Amino acid sequence: MLPTLLEPITEDELIQHEFEALLDDYSKTNHRQKIDIITRAFNFANTAHRGIKRRSGEPYIMHPLAVARIVVTEIGLGSTSICSALLHDVVEDTDYTIEDIENLFGPKIAQIVDGLTKISGGVFAEKASEQAENFRKLLITMSEDIRVILIKISDRLHNMRTLGSMPLPKQYKIAGETQYIYAPLAHRLGLFQIKTELENLSFKFEHPDTYKEIETKLTVDEVSRNRFYKEFSDPIDKKLTELGYDFRLRARIKSVYSIWRKMSTRNIPFEEVYDILAERIIFKPREGMNEKEQCWMLYSAITALYKPHPERIRDWVSTPKANGYEALHVTVMGPGGRWVEVQIRSERMNDIA
């Protein structure tokens, strides 16, 4: 428990609170609970980084703790990755070696920490040859253990979330590197939510005025967008209920970066980006029927209500994406001649996504 607002919070209490939050996140997973080794990794990292501050002024250990929480809550990895995240800056920033890590935590955690240390200098180095060498290391460590790049992406995500405390030249460098390397990597690995956040944060720091302008327009448009969504989704809800489907509907709003990219590539104003809103249908499959057939049955029900765009059907149920993504996407004309993308997924497909 944190002290009340009337009592001063010491750094040790702040650190301990964040560590307890990490253990709480971990306890909610299905992983075998290896609390002991995680506690040992935290205590070791906390001692190694003691007295060191981040540029924001907070104790340095808060960064590895934040990365470990992203690793467990947003990617779903277990104790080996949590320990590696807690230890990921120890070799680079202190006098401890990879041999010390191996002796204390075993060869697997040491291998992951070593991989993270090798690519910690950043992909865009001062010279082209160094840049190529770092990128080569990145690819090699990916092939040895994919957890290296998953933790590195988590590390980059937290750095982007706290980028405001860095000087402007550093912000531009890190944002550019994130946009061109880490966001595409997250996309390839199926981490779509993280990929979207990385793109948005990069865009926010590279083009702050444009970001603010689009964000403001999204906020102003929110009331009319919610009204339109209700008008669009109510007939779908009624139709699928009548047909006896067990389902739920979810709205998906296009990110600021995605809106800007469409405005730029199509050379159109914000008002002409018609797919800002999308609808996701997640259904519970009926017994005795395969999921693919049921996706197309739902497609028929929706296109009976709304006219489909003939060139905007994406069939990833017949041929899933390379990363395993399955869904049926169709764009239909909603009320007022506004195009809306509808994504159809079974519960299993949604869990994979």
Protein backbone atom coordinates (compact mmCIF):
# COMPACT_ATOMS: atom_id res chain seq x y z
CA MET A 1 0.00 0.00 0.00
CA LEU A 2 1.19 3.53 -0.79
CA PRO A 3 1.10 6.03 2.11
CA THR A 4 -1.74 8.54 2.17
CA LEU A 5 -1.33 11.84 0.35
CA LEU A 6 -0.56 13.54 3.70
CA GLU A 7 2.52 11.37 4.23
CA PRO A 8 5.70 11.78 2.15
CA ILE A 9 6.41 8.82 -0.15
CA THR A 10 9.98 7.63 -0.03
CA GLU A 11 11.75 6.31 -3.13
CA ASP A 12 11.98 2.84 -1.56
CA GLU A 13 8.21 2.80 -0.94
CA LEU A 14 7.56 3.92 -4.53
CA ILE A 15 9.84 1.17 -5.88
CA GLN A 16 8.33 -1.47 -3.62
CA HIS A 17 4.81 -0.47 -4.66
CA GLU A 18 5.71 -0.85 -8.35
CA PHE A 19 7.30 -4.26 -7.70
CA GLU A 20 4.16 -5.43 -5.86
CA ALA A 21 2.09 -4.23 -8.84
CA LEU A 22 4.31 -6.38 -11.11
CA LEU A 23 3.78 -9.44 -8.91
CA ASP A 24 0.03 -8.74 -8.91
CA ASP A 25 0.03 -8.58 -12.74
CA TYR A 26 1.98 -11.86 -12.84
CA SER A 27 -0.38 -13.59 -10.37
CA LYS A 28 -3.28 -13.03 -12.78
CA THR A 29 -1.62 -15.03 -15.57
CA ASN A 30 -1.72 -18.78 -16.25
CA HIS A 31 2.07 -19.06 -15.99
CA ARG A 32 3.62 -21.27 -13.32
CA GLN A 33 4.20 -18.85 -10.47
CA LYS A 34 7.97 -18.51 -10.00
CA ILE A 35 7.91 -15.64 -7.51
CA ASP A 36 11.28 -16.49 -5.96
CA ILE A 37 13.44 -15.97 -9.05
CA ILE A 38 11.53 -12.80 -10.03
CA THR A 39 12.08 -11.41 -6.51
CA ARG A 40 15.79 -12.27 -6.70
CA ALA A 41 16.09 -10.57 -10.12
CA PHE A 42 14.32 -7.46 -8.79
CA ASN A 43 16.50 -7.25 -5.67
CA PHE A 44 19.66 -7.70 -7.76
CA ALA A 45 18.64 -5.05 -10.34
CA ASN A 46 17.46 -2.66 -7.61
CA THR A 47 20.82 -2.89 -5.83
CA ALA A 48 22.76 -2.58 -9.12
CA HIS A 49 20.88 0.57 -10.19
CA ARG A 50 20.67 2.13 -6.69
CA GLY A 51 21.33 5.85 -6.68
CA ILE A 52 20.95 6.19 -10.47
CA LYS A 53 18.17 8.44 -11.78
CA ARG A 54 16.37 8.62 -15.10
CA ARG A 55 16.31 11.96 -16.91
CA SER A 56 12.75 12.40 -15.58
CA GLY A 57 14.15 12.35 -12.03
CA GLU A 58 12.65 9.03 -10.92
CA PRO A 59 14.81 6.12 -9.68
CA TYR A 60 16.26 4.18 -12.63
CA ILE A 61 14.83 0.84 -11.43
CA MET A 62 11.32 2.17 -12.24
CA HIS A 63 12.16 1.72 -15.94
CA PRO A 64 13.04 -2.04 -15.79
CA LEU A 65 9.97 -2.54 -13.58
CA ALA A 66 7.76 -0.79 -16.15
CA VAL A 67 9.27 -2.87 -18.98
CA ALA A 68 8.64 -6.07 -16.98
CA ARG A 69 4.99 -5.05 -16.49
CA ILE A 70 4.58 -4.47 -20.25
CA VAL A 71 6.18 -7.88 -20.88
CA VAL A 72 3.66 -9.67 -18.65
CA THR A 73 0.46 -7.64 -19.15
CA GLU A 74 0.66 -6.50 -22.78
CA ILE A 75 2.61 -9.37 -24.37
CA GLY A 76 1.83 -12.23 -21.96
CA LEU A 77 5.32 -13.61 -21.33
CA GLY A 78 6.44 -15.53 -18.22
CA SER A 79 9.07 -15.52 -15.48
CA THR A 80 12.17 -15.90 -17.73
CA SER A 81 11.18 -12.82 -19.72
CA ILE A 82 10.16 -10.88 -16.59
CA CYS A 83 13.59 -11.55 -15.03
CA SER A 84 15.34 -10.62 -18.28
CA ALA A 85 13.35 -7.37 -18.45
CA LEU A 86 14.28 -6.50 -14.86
CA LEU A 87 17.95 -7.20 -15.62
CA HIS A 88 18.10 -5.83 -19.18
CA ASP A 89 20.19 -2.71 -18.41
CA VAL A 90 22.41 -4.13 -15.64
CA VAL A 91 25.32 -5.25 -17.85
CA GLU A 92 25.28 -2.08 -19.97
CA ASP A 93 24.94 0.42 -17.11
CA THR A 94 26.81 -1.20 -14.17
CA ASP A 95 30.01 -3.17 -13.47
CA TYR A 96 28.23 -6.54 -13.52
CA THR A 97 28.95 -8.93 -16.42
CA ILE A 98 26.97 -11.52 -18.37
CA GLU A 99 28.94 -14.16 -16.43
CA ASP A 100 27.55 -12.71 -13.18
CA ILE A 101 24.01 -12.92 -14.58
CA GLU A 102 24.59 -16.54 -15.71
CA ASN A 103 26.00 -17.59 -12.34
CA LEU A 104 23.05 -16.09 -10.48
CA PHE A 105 20.13 -16.70 -12.86
CA GLY A 106 21.20 -19.43 -15.30
CA PRO A 107 22.21 -19.57 -18.98
CA LYS A 108 18.81 -18.80 -20.56
CA ILE A 109 18.23 -15.48 -18.77
CA ALA A 110 21.91 -14.60 -19.36
CA GLN A 111 21.52 -15.31 -23.10
CA ILE A 112 18.46 -13.04 -23.36
CA VAL A 113 20.12 -10.24 -21.35
CA ASP A 114 23.22 -10.59 -23.54
CA GLY A 115 21.08 -10.25 -26.68
CA LEU A 116 19.38 -7.15 -25.25
CA THR A 117 22.74 -5.63 -24.30
CA LYS A 118 24.12 -6.14 -27.82
CA ILE A 119 21.30 -4.21 -29.47
CA SER A 120 20.93 -1.55 -26.76
CA GLY A 121 23.00 1.05 -28.62
CA GLY A 122 20.15 1.71 -31.03
CA VAL A 123 19.76 0.81 -34.68
CA PHE A 124 20.66 4.26 -36.05
CA ALA A 125 24.27 4.67 -34.96
CA GLU A 126 26.68 7.43 -36.03
CA LYS A 127 28.10 5.55 -39.01
CA ALA A 128 26.35 3.48 -41.66
CA SER A 129 28.55 0.45 -40.95
CA GLU A 130 27.65 0.59 -37.23
CA GLN A 131 23.98 0.89 -38.15
CA ALA A 132 24.20 -2.18 -40.37
CA GLU A 133 26.09 -4.10 -37.69
CA ASN A 134 23.50 -3.28 -35.02
CA PHE A 135 20.69 -4.32 -37.34
CA ARG A 136 22.52 -7.58 -38.07
CA LYS A 137 22.77 -8.22 -34.31
CA LEU A 138 19.05 -7.51 -33.98
CA LEU A 139 18.17 -10.14 -36.60
CA ILE A 140 20.59 -12.72 -35.17
CA THR A 141 19.25 -12.34 -31.64
CA MET A 142 15.70 -12.62 -32.99
CA SER A 143 16.50 -15.98 -34.57
CA GLU A 144 18.18 -17.25 -31.38
CA ASP A 145 15.32 -16.34 -29.04
CA ILE A 146 12.28 -14.31 -30.09
CA ARG A 147 11.89 -13.13 -26.48
CA VAL A 148 14.89 -10.84 -27.00
CA ILE A 149 13.03 -8.70 -29.53
CA LEU A 150 9.74 -8.90 -27.60
CA ILE A 151 11.46 -7.47 -24.51
CA LYS A 152 13.29 -4.92 -26.67
CA ILE A 153 9.95 -3.77 -28.11
CA SER A 154 8.60 -3.48 -24.53
CA ASP A 155 11.69 -1.46 -23.59
CA ARG A 156 11.16 0.84 -26.57
CA LEU A 157 7.44 1.23 -25.76
CA HIS A 158 8.20 2.45 -22.24
CA ASN A 159 10.95 4.75 -23.54
CA MET A 160 8.44 6.23 -26.01
CA ARG A 161 5.83 6.68 -23.26
CA THR A 162 8.39 8.70 -21.25
CA LEU A 163 10.13 10.43 -24.18
CA GLY A 164 8.95 13.89 -23.13
CA SER A 165 11.76 14.19 -20.57
CA MET A 166 14.45 13.80 -23.28
CA PRO A 167 16.00 16.76 -25.20
CA LEU A 168 14.45 17.50 -28.60
CA PRO A 169 17.25 16.07 -30.80
CA LYS A 170 17.07 12.80 -28.85
CA GLN A 171 13.28 12.76 -29.20
CA TYR A 172 13.52 13.05 -33.00
CA LYS A 173 16.19 10.34 -33.22
CA ILE A 174 14.33 7.85 -31.01
CA ALA A 175 10.95 8.61 -32.62
CA GLY A 176 12.39 8.10 -36.13
CA GLU A 177 14.04 4.83 -35.15
CA THR A 178 10.80 3.64 -33.55
CA GLN A 179 8.73 4.50 -36.63
CA TYR A 180 11.02 2.77 -39.12
CA ILE A 181 12.22 -0.24 -37.11
CA TYR A 182 10.22 -1.08 -34.00
CA ALA A 183 6.65 -0.35 -35.15
CA PRO A 184 7.05 -2.58 -38.27
CA LEU A 185 8.65 -5.31 -36.13
CA ALA A 186 5.72 -5.17 -33.68
CA HIS A 187 3.34 -5.39 -36.65
CA ARG A 188 5.14 -8.44 -38.09
CA LEU A 189 5.00 -10.15 -34.70
CA GLY A 190 1.24 -9.57 -34.44
CA LEU A 191 1.49 -6.99 -31.62
CA PHE A 192 -1.04 -4.68 -33.28
CA GLN A 193 -1.98 -2.65 -30.21
CA ILE A 194 1.69 -1.98 -29.39
CA LYS A 195 2.45 -1.25 -33.07
CA THR A 196 -0.37 1.33 -33.14
CA GLU A 197 0.83 2.99 -29.93
CA LEU A 198 4.44 3.12 -31.18
CA GLU A 199 3.29 4.73 -34.46
CA ASN A 200 1.11 7.24 -32.61
CA LEU A 201 3.83 8.20 -30.12
CA SER A 202 6.44 8.54 -32.88
CA PHE A 203 4.10 10.74 -34.89
CA LYS A 204 3.28 12.82 -31.79
CA PHE A 205 6.96 13.68 -31.23
CA GLU A 206 7.89 14.11 -34.90
CA HIS A 207 4.80 16.19 -35.87
CA PRO A 208 3.34 17.59 -32.61
CA ASP A 209 1.18 20.30 -34.23
CA THR A 210 -0.42 17.96 -36.80
CA TYR A 211 -0.97 15.32 -34.10
CA LYS A 212 -2.72 17.85 -31.85
CA GLU A 213 -4.88 19.09 -34.75
CA ILE A 214 -6.14 15.58 -35.64
CA GLU A 215 -6.60 14.65 -31.97
CA THR A 216 -8.71 17.78 -31.44
CA LYS A 217 -10.87 16.97 -34.48
CA LEU A 218 -11.41 13.42 -33.19
CA THR A 219 -12.56 14.83 -29.85
CA VAL A 220 -14.91 17.37 -31.48
CA ASP A 221 -16.32 14.64 -33.75
CA GLU A 222 -16.88 12.21 -30.86
CA VAL A 223 -20.54 13.02 -30.13
CA SER A 224 -21.68 12.76 -33.77
CA ARG A 225 -19.50 9.65 -34.22
CA ASN A 226 -21.16 7.93 -31.24
CA ARG A 227 -24.59 8.87 -32.59
CA PHE A 228 -23.68 7.46 -36.01
CA TYR A 229 -22.28 4.25 -34.46
CA LYS A 230 -25.54 3.62 -32.60
CA GLU A 231 -27.56 4.25 -35.77
CA PHE A 232 -25.28 1.86 -37.70
CA SER A 233 -24.94 -0.92 -35.12
CA ASP A 234 -28.52 -1.14 -33.79
CA PRO A 235 -29.90 -2.85 -36.95
CA ILE A 236 -26.96 -5.32 -36.90
CA ASP A 237 -27.56 -6.07 -33.22
CA LYS A 238 -31.28 -6.64 -33.87
CA LYS A 239 -30.69 -8.81 -36.98
CA LEU A 240 -28.08 -11.09 -35.39
CA THR A 241 -30.20 -11.45 -32.23
CA GLU A 242 -33.19 -12.48 -34.37
CA LEU A 243 -30.99 -15.09 -36.10
CA GLY A 244 -30.05 -16.53 -32.70
CA TYR A 245 -26.34 -15.70 -32.66
CA ASP A 246 -24.37 -15.39 -29.43
CA PHE A 247 -22.18 -12.35 -30.17
CA ARG A 248 -20.82 -9.02 -29.00
CA LEU A 249 -20.19 -5.79 -30.94
CA ARG A 250 -17.12 -3.58 -30.48
CA ALA A 251 -16.31 -0.18 -31.99
CA ARG A 252 -12.75 0.47 -33.23
CA ILE A 253 -11.51 4.02 -33.79
CA LYS A 254 -8.69 4.62 -36.28
CA SER A 255 -5.50 5.94 -34.66
CA VAL A 256 -4.26 9.51 -35.18
CA TYR A 257 -1.26 8.23 -37.15
CA SER A 258 -3.42 6.01 -39.40
CA ILE A 259 -5.75 8.94 -40.10
CA TRP A 260 -2.80 11.18 -40.98
CA ARG A 261 -1.27 8.52 -43.22
CA LYS A 262 -4.53 8.13 -45.14
CA MET A 263 -4.89 11.91 -45.45
CA SER A 264 -1.32 12.11 -46.79
CA THR A 265 -1.42 9.19 -49.23
CA ARG A 266 -4.88 10.05 -50.60
CA ASN A 267 -4.33 13.82 -50.36
CA ILE A 268 -7.70 14.30 -48.64
CA PRO A 269 -8.87 16.38 -45.63
CA PHE A 270 -9.84 14.86 -42.27
CA GLU A 271 -13.55 15.11 -43.15
CA GLU A 272 -13.09 12.72 -46.09
CA VAL A 273 -11.51 9.89 -44.08
CA TYR A 274 -14.61 7.73 -43.91
CA ASP A 275 -13.22 4.65 -42.18
CA ILE A 276 -12.30 6.37 -38.91
CA LEU A 277 -14.89 4.10 -37.30
CA ALA A 278 -15.00 0.32 -37.67
CA GLU A 279 -17.21 -2.36 -36.10
CA ARG A 280 -15.99 -5.70 -34.82
CA ILE A 281 -18.37 -8.65 -34.43
CA ILE A 282 -17.10 -11.43 -32.14
CA PHE A 283 -19.34 -14.49 -32.17
CA LYS A 284 -19.56 -17.77 -30.30
CA PRO A 285 -19.59 -20.58 -32.91
CA ARG A 286 -22.60 -22.86 -33.14
CA GLU A 287 -21.92 -26.55 -32.60
CA GLY A 288 -21.75 -28.77 -35.66
CA MET A 289 -20.80 -25.94 -38.03
CA ASN A 290 -17.30 -24.74 -38.91
CA GLU A 291 -16.27 -21.19 -38.12
CA LYS A 292 -15.53 -20.23 -41.72
CA GLU A 293 -19.11 -21.02 -42.82
CA GLN A 294 -20.51 -19.04 -39.91
CA CYS A 295 -18.33 -16.02 -40.78
CA TRP A 296 -19.87 -16.00 -44.26
CA MET A 297 -23.39 -16.43 -42.80
CA LEU A 298 -22.80 -13.32 -40.68
CA TYR A 299 -21.44 -11.58 -43.76
CA SER A 300 -24.71 -12.40 -45.60
CA ALA A 301 -26.78 -11.03 -42.72
CA ILE A 302 -24.83 -7.75 -42.66
CA THR A 303 -24.81 -7.24 -46.44
CA ALA A 304 -28.57 -7.79 -46.43
CA LEU A 305 -28.73 -4.65 -44.27
CA TYR A 306 -25.95 -2.58 -45.86
CA LYS A 307 -24.50 -2.50 -49.38
CA PRO A 308 -20.94 -3.92 -49.47
CA HIS A 309 -18.02 -2.23 -51.23
CA PRO A 310 -17.09 -4.68 -54.05
CA GLU A 311 -13.34 -4.01 -53.72
CA ARG A 312 -13.13 -3.97 -49.92
CA ILE A 313 -13.55 -7.60 -48.88
CA ARG A 314 -10.61 -9.19 -47.01
CA ASP A 315 -10.98 -12.96 -46.57
CA TRP A 316 -8.49 -14.02 -43.89
CA VAL A 317 -10.62 -16.97 -42.78
CA SER A 318 -9.97 -18.97 -45.96
CA THR A 319 -6.30 -17.88 -46.05
CA PRO A 320 -5.07 -16.59 -42.66
CA LYS A 321 -2.27 -14.01 -42.55
CA ALA A 322 1.30 -15.29 -42.14
CA ASN A 323 1.21 -14.41 -38.43
CA GLY A 324 -1.96 -16.48 -37.85
CA TYR A 325 -4.52 -13.65 -37.96
CA GLU A 326 -8.00 -14.85 -39.03
CA ALA A 327 -11.02 -12.66 -39.74
CA LEU A 328 -13.42 -11.64 -42.46
CA HIS A 329 -13.39 -7.89 -43.21
CA VAL A 330 -16.06 -6.20 -45.31
CA THR A 331 -16.67 -2.47 -45.90
CA VAL A 332 -20.33 -1.50 -46.16
CA MET A 333 -22.21 1.73 -46.82
CA GLY A 334 -23.88 2.87 -43.62
CA PRO A 335 -26.40 5.67 -42.98
CA GLY A 336 -25.75 8.87 -44.90
CA GLY A 337 -23.56 7.13 -47.48
CA ARG A 338 -20.70 6.67 -44.99
CA TRP A 339 -18.39 3.66 -45.46
CA VAL A 340 -17.80 1.48 -42.38
CA GLU A 341 -15.48 -1.52 -42.10
CA VAL A 342 -16.97 -4.54 -40.32
CA GLN A 343 -14.63 -7.21 -38.95
CA ILE A 344 -16.13 -10.66 -38.32
CA ARG A 345 -14.31 -13.02 -35.94
CA SER A 346 -15.10 -16.05 -33.83
CA GLU A 347 -14.05 -15.96 -30.15
CA ARG A 348 -11.07 -18.18 -31.00
CA MET A 349 -10.01 -15.89 -33.86
CA ASN A 350 -10.32 -12.88 -31.54
CA ASP A 351 -8.17 -14.52 -28.86
CA ILE A 352 -5.46 -15.19 -31.47
CA ALA A 353 -5.72 -11.61 -32.77
